[in-house]
Amino acid sequence: MTHPHDPRLHHRPRPHRPGVSFALVNGSAFAVHVLLACSAAELMATRVRGEATVGMLALLVQGSLLVWTAARYDRRADARPAPQEIWEESR
């Protein structure tokens, strides 16, 4: 008895984990923020409008970037079928 050929069954499924680009993007944003906070404190304390400073806006951008990349990788993980689903489809 032969089993129908399904190329998806021949690939070992890799567990979902955030990729290198996820760590690179968020890590570099954090590093830039820390370097600016340490070396250019006057720049980060510059008021933009009202009580908002450049440092607060940079932190807001960094947090938005973190949420956006996390949502992107979460969507990508949901799009992959689980190995059990692939096996059941091939039967």
PDB file of N, CA and C in Angstrom:
ATOM      1  N   MET A   1       0.846  -1.166   0.000  1.00  0.00           N
ATOM      2  CA  MET A   1       0.000   0.000   0.000  1.00  0.00           C
ATOM      3  C   MET A   1       0.897   1.236   0.000  1.00  0.00           C
ATOM      4  N   THR A   2       0.677   2.090  -0.927  1.00  0.00           N
ATOM      5  CA  THR A   2       1.513   3.285  -1.036  1.00  0.00           C
ATOM      6  C   THR A   2       0.775   4.502  -0.503  1.00  0.00           C
ATOM      7  N   HIS A   3       1.558   5.401  -0.031  1.00  0.00           N
ATOM      8  CA  HIS A   3       1.009   6.640   0.514  1.00  0.00           C
ATOM      9  C   HIS A   3       1.141   7.732  -0.551  1.00  0.00           C
ATOM     10  N   PRO A   4       0.100   8.524  -0.778  1.00  0.00           N
ATOM     11  CA  PRO A   4       0.227   9.594  -1.770  1.00  0.00           C
ATOM     12  C   PRO A   4       1.339  10.564  -1.372  1.00  0.00           C
ATOM     13  N   HIS A   5       2.073  10.989  -2.380  1.00  0.00           N
ATOM     14  CA  HIS A   5       3.209  11.879  -2.142  1.00  0.00           C
ATOM     15  C   HIS A   5       2.714  13.277  -1.780  1.00  0.00           C
ATOM     16  N   ASP A   6       3.152  13.762  -0.656  1.00  0.00           N
ATOM     17  CA  ASP A   6       2.856  15.130  -0.243  1.00  0.00           C
ATOM     18  C   ASP A   6       4.183  15.756   0.176  1.00  0.00           C
ATOM     19  N   PRO A   7       4.703  16.709  -0.610  1.00  0.00           N
ATOM     20  CA  PRO A   7       6.022  17.268  -0.289  1.00  0.00           C
ATOM     21  C   PRO A   7       6.065  17.978   1.061  1.00  0.00           C
ATOM     22  N   ARG A   8       4.915  18.417   1.574  1.00  0.00           N
ATOM     23  CA  ARG A   8       4.919  19.097   2.869  1.00  0.00           C
ATOM     24  C   ARG A   8       5.275  18.134   3.997  1.00  0.00           C
ATOM     25  N   LEU A   9       5.066  16.850   3.806  1.00  0.00           N
ATOM     26  CA  LEU A   9       5.374  15.876   4.843  1.00  0.00           C
ATOM     27  C   LEU A   9       6.867  15.569   4.928  1.00  0.00           C
ATOM     28  N   HIS A  10       7.622  15.932   3.897  1.00  0.00           N
ATOM     29  CA  HIS A  10       9.048  15.627   3.876  1.00  0.00           C
ATOM     30  C   HIS A  10       9.889  16.722   4.518  1.00  0.00           C
ATOM     31  N   HIS A  11       9.271  17.823   4.862  1.00  0.00           N
ATOM     32  CA  HIS A  11      10.000  18.907   5.507  1.00  0.00           C
ATOM     33  C   HIS A  11       9.734  18.873   7.001  1.00  0.00           C
ATOM     34  N   ARG A  12      10.790  18.909   7.739  1.00  0.00           N
ATOM     35  CA  ARG A  12      10.650  18.921   9.197  1.00  0.00           C
ATOM     36  C   ARG A  12      10.112  20.290   9.617  1.00  0.00           C
ATOM     37  N   PRO A  13       8.990  20.310  10.332  1.00  0.00           N
ATOM     38  CA  PRO A  13       8.441  21.604  10.734  1.00  0.00           C
ATOM     39  C   PRO A  13       9.304  22.269  11.799  1.00  0.00           C
ATOM     40  N   ARG A  14       9.544  23.540  11.620  1.00  0.00           N
ATOM     41  CA  ARG A  14      10.321  24.293  12.596  1.00  0.00           C
ATOM     42  C   ARG A  14       9.363  24.986  13.551  1.00  0.00           C
ATOM     43  N   PRO A  15       9.684  25.012  14.815  1.00  0.00           N
ATOM     44  CA  PRO A  15       8.818  25.723  15.764  1.00  0.00           C
ATOM     45  C   PRO A  15       8.859  27.227  15.477  1.00  0.00           C
ATOM     46  N   HIS A  16       7.725  27.877  15.717  1.00  0.00           N
ATOM     47  CA  HIS A  16       7.690  29.316  15.493  1.00  0.00           C
ATOM     48  C   HIS A  16       8.470  30.026  16.590  1.00  0.00           C
ATOM     49  N   ARG A  17       9.348  30.883  16.178  1.00  0.00           N
ATOM     50  CA  ARG A  17      10.080  31.726  17.105  1.00  0.00           C
ATOM     51  C   ARG A  17      10.407  33.018  16.373  1.00  0.00           C
ATOM     52  N   PRO A  18      10.453  34.107  17.101  1.00  0.00           N
ATOM     53  CA  PRO A  18      10.752  35.371  16.436  1.00  0.00           C
ATOM     54  C   PRO A  18      12.069  35.283  15.697  1.00  0.00           C
ATOM     55  N   GLY A  19      12.091  35.805  14.515  1.00  0.00           N
ATOM     56  CA  GLY A  19      13.270  35.703  13.675  1.00  0.00           C
ATOM     57  C   GLY A  19      14.368  36.673  14.053  1.00  0.00           C
ATOM     58  N   VAL A  20      15.413  36.573  13.312  1.00  0.00           N
ATOM     59  CA  VAL A  20      16.572  37.429  13.532  1.00  0.00           C
ATOM     60  C   VAL A  20      16.205  38.880  13.249  1.00  0.00           C
ATOM     61  N   SER A  21      15.386  39.101  12.217  1.00  0.00           N
ATOM     62  CA  SER A  21      15.030  40.479  11.889  1.00  0.00           C
ATOM     63  C   SER A  21      14.203  41.112  13.001  1.00  0.00           C
ATOM     64  N   PHE A  22      13.371  40.327  13.684  1.00  0.00           N
ATOM     65  CA  PHE A  22      12.593  40.852  14.816  1.00  0.00           C
ATOM     66  C   PHE A  22      13.536  41.380  15.890  1.00  0.00           C
ATOM     67  N   ALA A  23      14.506  40.577  16.258  1.00  0.00           N
ATOM     68  CA  ALA A  23      15.465  40.982  17.287  1.00  0.00           C
ATOM     69  C   ALA A  23      16.345  42.128  16.810  1.00  0.00           C
ATOM     70  N   LEU A  24      16.712  42.111  15.546  1.00  0.00           N
ATOM     71  CA  LEU A  24      17.568  43.163  15.001  1.00  0.00           C
ATOM     72  C   LEU A  24      16.851  44.508  14.987  1.00  0.00           C
ATOM     73  N   VAL A  25      15.611  44.535  14.521  1.00  0.00           N
ATOM     74  CA  VAL A  25      14.859  45.785  14.444  1.00  0.00           C
ATOM     75  C   VAL A  25      14.612  46.356  15.833  1.00  0.00           C
ATOM     76  N   ASN A  26      14.093  45.542  16.738  1.00  0.00           N
ATOM     77  CA  ASN A  26      13.767  46.045  18.073  1.00  0.00           C
ATOM     78  C   ASN A  26      15.011  46.298  18.917  1.00  0.00           C
ATOM     79  N   GLY A  27      16.015  45.476  18.758  1.00  0.00           N
ATOM     80  CA  GLY A  27      17.260  45.688  19.495  1.00  0.00           C
ATOM     81  C   GLY A  27      17.988  46.941  19.061  1.00  0.00           C
ATOM     82  N   SER A  28      18.004  47.201  17.762  1.00  0.00           N
ATOM     83  CA  SER A  28      18.675  48.416  17.286  1.00  0.00           C
ATOM     84  C   SER A  28      17.900  49.664  17.702  1.00  0.00           C
ATOM     85  N   ALA A  29      16.566  49.601  17.679  1.00  0.00           N
ATOM     86  CA  ALA A  29      15.777  50.755  18.141  1.00  0.00           C
ATOM     87  C   ALA A  29      16.049  51.029  19.612  1.00  0.00           C
ATOM     88  N   PHE A  30      16.126  49.980  20.417  1.00  0.00           N
ATOM     89  CA  PHE A  30      16.416  50.146  21.841  1.00  0.00           C
ATOM     90  C   PHE A  30      17.821  50.704  22.045  1.00  0.00           C
ATOM     91  N   ALA A  31      18.793  50.198  21.292  1.00  0.00           N
ATOM     92  CA  ALA A  31      20.179  50.653  21.425  1.00  0.00           C
ATOM     93  C   ALA A  31      20.314  52.134  21.061  1.00  0.00           C
ATOM     94  N   VAL A  32      19.646  52.537  19.986  1.00  0.00           N
ATOM     95  CA  VAL A  32      19.695  53.950  19.598  1.00  0.00           C
ATOM     96  C   VAL A  32      19.070  54.820  20.677  1.00  0.00           C
ATOM     97  N   HIS A  33      17.949  54.372  21.232  1.00  0.00           N
ATOM     98  CA  HIS A  33      17.281  55.141  22.286  1.00  0.00           C
ATOM     99  C   HIS A  33      18.173  55.271  23.523  1.00  0.00           C
ATOM    100  N   VAL A  34      18.806  54.206  23.928  1.00  0.00           N
ATOM    101  CA  VAL A  34      19.683  54.246  25.112  1.00  0.00           C
ATOM    102  C   VAL A  34      20.905  55.123  24.844  1.00  0.00           C
ATOM    103  N   LEU A  35      21.490  54.995  23.660  1.00  0.00           N
ATOM    104  CA  LEU A  35      22.660  55.821  23.337  1.00  0.00           C
ATOM    105  C   LEU A  35      22.303  57.300  23.323  1.00  0.00           C
ATOM    106  N   LEU A  36      21.166  57.632  22.741  1.00  0.00           N
ATOM    107  CA  LEU A  36      20.749  59.036  22.739  1.00  0.00           C
ATOM    108  C   LEU A  36      20.452  59.529  24.143  1.00  0.00           C
ATOM    109  N   ALA A  37      19.827  58.695  24.955  1.00  0.00           N
ATOM    110  CA  ALA A  37      19.507  59.097  26.318  1.00  0.00           C
ATOM    111  C   ALA A  37      20.773  59.331  27.145  1.00  0.00           C
ATOM    112  N   CYS A  38      21.801  58.534  26.884  1.00  0.00           N
ATOM    113  CA  CYS A  38      23.043  58.666  27.659  1.00  0.00           C
ATOM    114  C   CYS A  38      23.940  59.789  27.136  1.00  0.00           C
ATOM    115  N   SER A  39      24.034  59.905  25.830  1.00  0.00           N
ATOM    116  CA  SER A  39      24.999  60.845  25.276  1.00  0.00           C
ATOM    117  C   SER A  39      24.402  62.201  24.909  1.00  0.00           C
ATOM    118  N   ALA A  40      23.127  62.255  24.635  1.00  0.00           N
ATOM    119  CA  ALA A  40      22.514  63.518  24.225  1.00  0.00           C
ATOM    120  C   ALA A  40      21.292  63.810  25.096  1.00  0.00           C
ATOM    121  N   ALA A  41      21.533  63.922  26.373  1.00  0.00           N
ATOM    122  CA  ALA A  41      20.433  64.152  27.308  1.00  0.00           C
ATOM    123  C   ALA A  41      19.719  65.472  27.026  1.00  0.00           C
ATOM    124  N   GLU A  42      20.472  66.488  26.596  1.00  0.00           N
ATOM    125  CA  GLU A  42      19.854  67.776  26.293  1.00  0.00           C
ATOM    126  C   GLU A  42      18.910  67.661  25.101  1.00  0.00           C
ATOM    127  N   LEU A  43      19.317  66.886  24.113  1.00  0.00           N
ATOM    128  CA  LEU A  43      18.459  66.685  22.938  1.00  0.00           C
ATOM    129  C   LEU A  43      17.183  65.948  23.322  1.00  0.00           C
ATOM    130  N   MET A  44      17.318  64.915  24.123  1.00  0.00           N
ATOM    131  CA  MET A  44      16.142  64.138  24.528  1.00  0.00           C
ATOM    132  C   MET A  44      15.220  64.939  25.442  1.00  0.00           C
ATOM    133  N   ALA A  45      15.751  65.944  26.121  1.00  0.00           N
ATOM    134  CA  ALA A  45      14.936  66.762  27.021  1.00  0.00           C
ATOM    135  C   ALA A  45      14.313  67.969  26.319  1.00  0.00           C
ATOM    136  N   THR A  46      14.607  68.147  25.042  1.00  0.00           N
ATOM    137  CA  THR A  46      14.060  69.274  24.301  1.00  0.00           C
ATOM    138  C   THR A  46      12.546  69.128  24.180  1.00  0.00           C
ATOM    139  N   ARG A  47      11.850  70.180  24.547  1.00  0.00           N
ATOM    140  CA  ARG A  47      10.385  70.155  24.474  1.00  0.00           C
ATOM    141  C   ARG A  47       9.949  70.365  23.032  1.00  0.00           C
ATOM    142  N   VAL A  48       9.006  69.546  22.616  1.00  0.00           N
ATOM    143  CA  VAL A  48       8.481  69.631  21.257  1.00  0.00           C
ATOM    144  C   VAL A  48       7.199  70.453  21.256  1.00  0.00           C
ATOM    145  N   ARG A  49       6.284  70.080  22.140  1.00  0.00           N
ATOM    146  CA  ARG A  49       5.004  70.782  22.253  1.00  0.00           C
ATOM    147  C   ARG A  49       4.459  70.552  23.656  1.00  0.00           C
ATOM    148  N   GLY A  50       4.212  71.599  24.361  1.00  0.00           N
ATOM    149  CA  GLY A  50       3.706  71.466  25.724  1.00  0.00           C
ATOM    150  C   GLY A  50       4.719  70.764  26.608  1.00  0.00           C
ATOM    151  N   GLU A  51       4.276  69.676  27.239  1.00  0.00           N
ATOM    152  CA  GLU A  51       5.156  68.893  28.112  1.00  0.00           C
ATOM    153  C   GLU A  51       5.843  67.742  27.375  1.00  0.00           C
ATOM    154  N   ALA A  52       5.512  67.530  26.110  1.00  0.00           N
ATOM    155  CA  ALA A  52       6.098  66.424  25.332  1.00  0.00           C
ATOM    156  C   ALA A  52       7.530  66.753  24.933  1.00  0.00           C
ATOM    157  N   THR A  53       8.416  65.795  25.153  1.00  0.00           N
ATOM    158  CA  THR A  53       9.825  65.985  24.801  1.00  0.00           C
ATOM    159  C   THR A  53      10.209  65.024  23.680  1.00  0.00           C
ATOM    160  N   VAL A  54      11.384  65.247  23.117  1.00  0.00           N
ATOM    161  CA  VAL A  54      11.902  64.368  22.065  1.00  0.00           C
ATOM    162  C   VAL A  54      12.055  62.946  22.596  1.00  0.00           C
ATOM    163  N   GLY A  55      12.486  62.799  23.831  1.00  0.00           N
ATOM    164  CA  GLY A  55      12.647  61.476  24.439  1.00  0.00           C
ATOM    165  C   GLY A  55      11.331  60.733  24.565  1.00  0.00           C
ATOM    166  N   MET A  56      10.279  61.453  24.938  1.00  0.00           N
ATOM    167  CA  MET A  56       8.963  60.817  25.040  1.00  0.00           C
ATOM    168  C   MET A  56       8.466  60.368  23.671  1.00  0.00           C
ATOM    169  N   LEU A  57       8.676  61.197  22.667  1.00  0.00           N
ATOM    170  CA  LEU A  57       8.252  60.827  21.321  1.00  0.00           C
ATOM    171  C   LEU A  57       9.069  59.646  20.785  1.00  0.00           C
ATOM    172  N   ALA A  58      10.365  59.627  21.089  1.00  0.00           N
ATOM    173  CA  ALA A  58      11.205  58.502  20.663  1.00  0.00           C
ATOM    174  C   ALA A  58      10.758  57.211  21.332  1.00  0.00           C
ATOM    175  N   LEU A  59      10.387  57.290  22.594  1.00  0.00           N
ATOM    176  CA  LEU A  59       9.895  56.106  23.305  1.00  0.00           C
ATOM    177  C   LEU A  59       8.567  55.632  22.728  1.00  0.00           C
ATOM    178  N   LEU A  60       7.708  56.560  22.351  1.00  0.00           N
ATOM    179  CA  LEU A  60       6.438  56.223  21.723  1.00  0.00           C
ATOM    180  C   LEU A  60       6.664  55.524  20.382  1.00  0.00           C
ATOM    181  N   VAL A  61       7.597  56.022  19.602  1.00  0.00           N
ATOM    182  CA  VAL A  61       7.914  55.390  18.313  1.00  0.00           C
ATOM    183  C   VAL A  61       8.501  53.993  18.543  1.00  0.00           C
ATOM    184  N   GLN A  62       9.377  53.857  19.522  1.00  0.00           N
ATOM    185  CA  GLN A  62       9.974  52.554  19.818  1.00  0.00           C
ATOM    186  C   GLN A  62       8.914  51.548  20.259  1.00  0.00           C
ATOM    187  N   GLY A  63       7.991  51.961  21.112  1.00  0.00           N
ATOM    188  CA  GLY A  63       6.913  51.070  21.544  1.00  0.00           C
ATOM    189  C   GLY A  63       5.999  50.674  20.400  1.00  0.00           C
ATOM    190  N   SER A  64       5.697  51.626  19.520  1.00  0.00           N
ATOM    191  CA  SER A  64       4.867  51.324  18.348  1.00  0.00           C
ATOM    192  C   SER A  64       5.558  50.327  17.431  1.00  0.00           C
ATOM    193  N   LEU A  65       6.859  50.494  17.260  1.00  0.00           N
ATOM    194  CA  LEU A  65       7.622  49.564  16.430  1.00  0.00           C
ATOM    195  C   LEU A  65       7.603  48.159  17.030  1.00  0.00           C
ATOM    196  N   LEU A  66       7.732  48.070  18.341  1.00  0.00           N
ATOM    197  CA  LEU A  66       7.704  46.775  19.009  1.00  0.00           C
ATOM    198  C   LEU A  66       6.352  46.090  18.822  1.00  0.00           C
ATOM    199  N   VAL A  67       5.269  46.837  19.011  1.00  0.00           N
ATOM    200  CA  VAL A  67       3.931  46.265  18.852  1.00  0.00           C
ATOM    201  C   VAL A  67       3.689  45.843  17.401  1.00  0.00           C
ATOM    202  N   TRP A  68       4.121  46.672  16.436  1.00  0.00           N
ATOM    203  CA  TRP A  68       3.915  46.357  15.025  1.00  0.00           C
ATOM    204  C   TRP A  68       4.677  45.090  14.623  1.00  0.00           C
ATOM    205  N   THR A  69       5.945  44.974  15.039  1.00  0.00           N
ATOM    206  CA  THR A  69       6.708  43.784  14.655  1.00  0.00           C
ATOM    207  C   THR A  69       6.174  42.535  15.352  1.00  0.00           C
ATOM    208  N   ALA A  70       5.722  42.667  16.601  1.00  0.00           N
ATOM    209  CA  ALA A  70       5.151  41.511  17.300  1.00  0.00           C
ATOM    210  C   ALA A  70       3.866  41.049  16.619  1.00  0.00           C
ATOM    211  N   ALA A  71       3.015  41.980  16.207  1.00  0.00           N
ATOM    212  CA  ALA A  71       1.781  41.620  15.506  1.00  0.00           C
ATOM    213  C   ALA A  71       2.087  40.986  14.158  1.00  0.00           C
ATOM    214  N   ARG A  72       3.097  41.482  13.486  1.00  0.00           N
ATOM    215  CA  ARG A  72       3.494  40.925  12.181  1.00  0.00           C
ATOM    216  C   ARG A  72       3.956  39.474  12.320  1.00  0.00           C
ATOM    217  N   TYR A  73       4.781  39.200  13.311  1.00  0.00           N
ATOM    218  CA  TYR A  73       5.257  37.837  13.499  1.00  0.00           C
ATOM    219  C   TYR A  73       4.168  36.924  14.033  1.00  0.00           C
ATOM    220  N   ASP A  74       3.232  37.463  14.799  1.00  0.00           N
ATOM    221  CA  ASP A  74       2.110  36.662  15.282  1.00  0.00           C
ATOM    222  C   ASP A  74       1.201  36.254  14.125  1.00  0.00           C
ATOM    223  N   ARG A  75       0.948  37.175  13.202  1.00  0.00           N
ATOM    224  CA  ARG A  75       0.145  36.843  12.008  1.00  0.00           C
ATOM    225  C   ARG A  75       0.823  35.779  11.178  1.00  0.00           C
ATOM    226  N   ARG A  76       2.138  35.896  11.050  1.00  0.00           N
ATOM    227  CA  ARG A  76       2.883  34.918  10.257  1.00  0.00           C
ATOM    228  C   ARG A  76       2.809  33.532  10.893  1.00  0.00           C
ATOM    229  N   ALA A  77       2.811  33.466  12.220  1.00  0.00           N
ATOM    230  CA  ALA A  77       2.730  32.177  12.915  1.00  0.00           C
ATOM    231  C   ALA A  77       1.352  31.557  12.741  1.00  0.00           C
ATOM    232  N   ASP A  78       0.302  32.380  12.737  1.00  0.00           N
ATOM    233  CA  ASP A  78      -1.050  31.862  12.571  1.00  0.00           C
ATOM    234  C   ASP A  78      -1.299  31.336  11.167  1.00  0.00           C
ATOM    235  N   ALA A  79      -0.559  31.830  10.186  1.00  0.00           N
ATOM    236  CA  ALA A  79      -0.762  31.423   8.797  1.00  0.00           C
ATOM    237  C   ALA A  79      -0.178  30.039   8.513  1.00  0.00           C
ATOM    238  N   ARG A  80       0.754  29.572   9.317  1.00  0.00           N
ATOM    239  CA  ARG A  80       1.381  28.267   9.096  1.00  0.00           C
ATOM    240  C   ARG A  80       0.491  27.160   9.634  1.00  0.00           C
ATOM    241  N   PRO A  81       0.262  26.123   8.834  1.00  0.00           N
ATOM    242  CA  PRO A  81      -0.519  25.002   9.359  1.00  0.00           C
ATOM    243  C   PRO A  81       0.320  24.163  10.326  1.00  0.00           C
ATOM    244  N   ALA A  82      -0.340  23.613  11.305  1.00  0.00           N
ATOM    245  CA  ALA A  82       0.349  22.751  12.262  1.00  0.00           C
ATOM    246  C   ALA A  82       0.686  21.423  11.592  1.00  0.00           C
ATOM    247  N   PRO A  83       1.749  20.737  12.006  1.00  0.00           N
ATOM    248  CA  PRO A  83       2.115  19.457  11.387  1.00  0.00           C
ATOM    249  C   PRO A  83       0.986  18.438  11.442  1.00  0.00           C
ATOM    250  N   GLN A  84       0.216  18.426  12.505  1.00  0.00           N
ATOM    251  CA  GLN A  84      -0.898  17.476  12.625  1.00  0.00           C
ATOM    252  C   GLN A  84      -1.944  17.738  11.555  1.00  0.00           C
ATOM    253  N   GLU A  85      -2.203  19.027  11.252  1.00  0.00           N
ATOM    254  CA  GLU A  85      -3.169  19.374  10.206  1.00  0.00           C
ATOM    255  C   GLU A  85      -2.697  18.905   8.836  1.00  0.00           C
ATOM    256  N   ILE A  86      -1.415  19.024   8.572  1.00  0.00           N
ATOM    257  CA  ILE A  86      -0.861  18.574   7.297  1.00  0.00           C
ATOM    258  C   ILE A  86      -1.032  17.056   7.173  1.00  0.00           C
ATOM    259  N   TRP A  87      -0.762  16.340   8.248  1.00  0.00           N
ATOM    260  CA  TRP A  87      -0.864  14.882   8.225  1.00  0.00           C
ATOM    261  C   TRP A  87      -2.316  14.460   7.985  1.00  0.00           C
ATOM    262  N   GLU A  88      -3.257  15.113   8.645  1.00  0.00           N
ATOM    263  CA  GLU A  88      -4.654  14.739   8.485  1.00  0.00           C
ATOM    264  C   GLU A  88      -5.181  15.069   7.091  1.00  0.00           C
ATOM    265  N   GLU A  89      -4.686  16.154   6.470  1.00  0.00           N
ATOM    266  CA  GLU A  89      -5.104  16.510   5.114  1.00  0.00           C
ATOM    267  C   GLU A  89      -4.626  15.490   4.104  1.00  0.00           C
ATOM    268  N   SER A  90      -3.470  14.892   4.361  1.00  0.00           N
ATOM    269  CA  SER A  90      -2.902  13.960   3.388  1.00  0.00           C
ATOM    270  C   SER A  90      -3.537  12.584   3.425  1.00  0.00           C
ATOM    271  N   ARG A  91      -4.284  12.298   4.451  1.00  0.00           N
ATOM    272  CA  ARG A  91      -4.908  10.973   4.577  1.00  0.00           C
ATOM    273  C   ARG A  91      -6.053  10.808   3.633  1.00  0.00           C
TER     274      ARG A  91
END
